[in-house]
C-alpha atoms as a PDB file:
ATOM      1  CA  MET A   1     105.580  97.422 123.336  1.00  0.00           C
ATOM      2  CA  GLN A   2     103.141 100.253 122.797  1.00  0.00           C
ATOM      3  CA  ARG A   3      99.773 100.469 124.494  1.00  0.00           C
ATOM      4  CA  ILE A   4      96.736 101.577 122.493  1.00  0.00           C
ATOM      5  CA  SER A   5      93.010 101.780 123.149  1.00  0.00           C
ATOM      6  CA  VAL A   6      90.338 100.897 120.630  1.00  0.00           C
ATOM      7  CA  HIS A   7      86.585 100.734 120.774  1.00  0.00           C
ATOM      8  CA  ILE A   8      85.065  97.435 119.670  1.00  0.00           C
ATOM      9  CA  THR A   9      81.518  96.168 119.410  1.00  0.00           C
ATOM     10  CA  ASP A  10      80.031  93.850 122.009  1.00  0.00           C
ATOM     11  CA  GLU A  11      79.937  91.122 119.372  1.00  0.00           C
ATOM     12  CA  THR A  12      83.672  91.506 118.665  1.00  0.00           C
ATOM     13  CA  LYS A  13      84.427  91.349 122.404  1.00  0.00           C
ATOM     14  CA  GLN A  14      82.410  88.136 122.689  1.00  0.00           C
ATOM     15  CA  ARG A  15      84.279  86.623 119.735  1.00  0.00           C
ATOM     16  CA  ILE A  16      87.611  87.550 121.331  1.00  0.00           C
ATOM     17  CA  ASP A  17      86.533  85.961 124.630  1.00  0.00           C
ATOM     18  CA  LEU A  18      85.450  82.739 122.912  1.00  0.00           C
ATOM     19  CA  ALA A  19      88.575  82.530 120.736  1.00  0.00           C
ATOM     20  CA  ALA A  20      90.882  83.180 123.697  1.00  0.00           C
ATOM     21  CA  LYS A  21      89.223  80.419 125.716  1.00  0.00           C
ATOM     22  CA  ALA A  22      89.223  77.996 122.787  1.00  0.00           C
ATOM     23  CA  LYS A  23      92.902  78.588 122.079  1.00  0.00           C
ATOM     24  CA  GLN A  24      93.773  78.834 125.779  1.00  0.00           C
ATOM     25  CA  LYS A  25      95.442  82.190 125.260  1.00  0.00           C
ATOM     26  CA  VAL A  26      95.357  85.516 126.993  1.00  0.00           C
ATOM     27  CA  GLU A  27      93.095  87.994 125.171  1.00  0.00           C
ATOM     28  CA  ALA A  28      95.962  90.450 124.622  1.00  0.00           C
ATOM     29  CA  ASP A  29      98.077  87.777 122.899  1.00  0.00           C
ATOM     30  CA  LEU A  30      95.165  86.743 120.698  1.00  0.00           C
ATOM     31  CA  ILE A  31      94.464  90.352 119.710  1.00  0.00           C
ATOM     32  CA  ARG A  32      98.145  91.014 118.905  1.00  0.00           C
ATOM     33  CA  GLU A  33      98.279  87.900 116.713  1.00  0.00           C
ATOM     34  CA  ALA A  34      95.042  88.859 114.934  1.00  0.00           C
ATOM     35  CA  ILE A  35      96.328  92.373 114.238  1.00  0.00           C
ATOM     36  CA  ASP A  36      99.673  91.061 112.938  1.00  0.00           C
ATOM     37  CA  GLU A  37      97.976  88.521 110.646  1.00  0.00           C
ATOM     38  CA  GLY A  38      95.495  91.102 109.405  1.00  0.00           C
ATOM     39  CA  LEU A  39      98.256  93.592 108.629  1.00  0.00           C
ATOM     40  CA  LYS A  40     100.210  90.946 106.709  1.00  0.00           C
ATOM     41  CA  LYS A  41      97.182  90.510 104.454  1.00  0.00           C
ATOM     42  CA  ILE A  42      96.420  94.183 103.835  1.00  0.00           C
ATOM     43  CA  TYR A  43     100.003  95.486 103.879  1.00  0.00           C
ATOM     44  CA  PRO A  44     102.496  92.659 103.343  1.00  0.00           C
ATOM     45  CA  PRO A  45     106.072  93.328 104.443  1.00  0.00           C
ATOM     46  CA  THR A  46     108.591  93.634 101.629  1.00  0.00           C
ATOM     47  CA  SER A  47     112.291  92.991 101.568  1.00  0.00           C
ATOM     48  CA  SER A  48     114.731  95.774 100.730  1.00  0.00           C
ATOM     49  CA  ALA A  49     115.447  94.165  97.379  1.00  0.00           C
ATOM     50  CA  GLN A  50     111.745  93.971  96.538  1.00  0.00           C
ATOM     51  CA  ALA A  51     111.294  97.594  97.612  1.00  0.00           C
ATOM     52  CA  LEU A  52     114.045  98.638  95.172  1.00  0.00           C
ATOM     53  CA  LEU A  53     112.455  96.636  92.366  1.00  0.00           C
ATOM     54  CA  ASN A  54     109.111  98.282  93.118  1.00  0.00           C
ATOM     55  CA  LEU A  55     110.793 101.698  93.012  1.00  0.00           C
ATOM     56  CA  ALA A  56     112.439 100.898  89.665  1.00  0.00           C
ATOM     57  CA  LYS A  57     109.064  99.800  88.263  1.00  0.00           C
ATOM     58  CA  MET A  58     107.509 103.063  89.428  1.00  0.00           C
ATOM     59  CA  ALA A  59     110.319 105.007  87.709  1.00  0.00           C
ATOM     60  CA  GLU A  60     109.735 103.123  84.448  1.00  0.00           C
ATOM     61  CA  ASP A  61     106.106 104.204  84.513  1.00  0.00           C
ATOM     62  CA  LEU A  62     106.941 107.911  84.898  1.00  0.00           C
ATOM     63  CA  PRO A  63     106.216 109.989  81.818  1.00  0.00           C
ATOM     64  CA  SER A  64     109.258 111.285  79.962  1.00  0.00           C
ATOM     65  CA  ARG A  65     109.974 113.488  76.964  1.00  0.00           C
ATOM     66  CA  PRO A  66     111.710 112.135  73.850  1.00  0.00           C
ATOM     67  CA  GLU A  67     114.631 114.586  74.229  1.00  0.00           C
ATOM     68  CA  GLU A  68     115.443 113.262  77.708  1.00  0.00           C
ATOM     69  CA  PRO A  69     118.116 110.567  77.870  1.00  0.00           C
ATOM     70  CA  THR A  70     117.090 107.103  78.993  1.00  0.00           C
ATOM     71  CA  ASP A  71     120.610 106.325  80.227  1.00  0.00           C
ATOM     72  CA  ILE A  72     122.629 109.053  81.938  1.00  0.00           C
ATOM     73  CA  SER A  73     125.692 106.890  82.529  1.00  0.00           C
ATOM     74  CA  GLU A  74     127.498 108.421  79.530  1.00  0.00           C
ATOM     75  CA  ASP A  75     127.609 111.936  80.973  1.00  0.00           C
ATOM     76  CA  THR A  76     127.081 111.602  84.716  1.00  0.00           C
ATOM     77  CA  ALA A  77     128.751 114.911  85.601  1.00  0.00           C
ATOM     78  CA  LYS A  78     126.277 116.813  83.454  1.00  0.00           C
ATOM     79  CA  TYR A  79     123.264 115.290  85.183  1.00  0.00           C
ATOM     80  CA  ALA A  80     124.743 115.110  88.673  1.00  0.00           C
ATOM     81  CA  PHE A  81     126.242 118.593  88.810  1.00  0.00           C
ATOM     82  CA  GLY A  82     124.194 120.498  86.242  1.00  0.00           C
ATOM     83  CA  GLY A  83     126.810 120.881  83.525  1.00  0.00           C
ATOM     84  CA  LYS A  84     125.919 122.614  80.286  1.00  0.00           C
ATOM     85  CA  ASP A  85     125.442 120.993  76.878  1.00  0.00           C
ATOM     86  CA  GLU A  86     128.361 121.532  74.559  1.00  0.00           C
END
């Protein structure tokens, strides 16, 4: 685990104290749980498959020119190694 320091308001400290007592937890555990839950809401974890789908969606939205191929599978050597047009 990493150790960090943050500055919080007196009101936030009081809320942490009350919540820790109410849940019968150590403050550090309560804070870790709150941070994890908050991060899940603002930056949800994604699976590798979902990350690839997101990347493909981003690629679809990229601007392209009409003369560019939409499928390079027919002449992969040309696009992979910079071959010349015949």
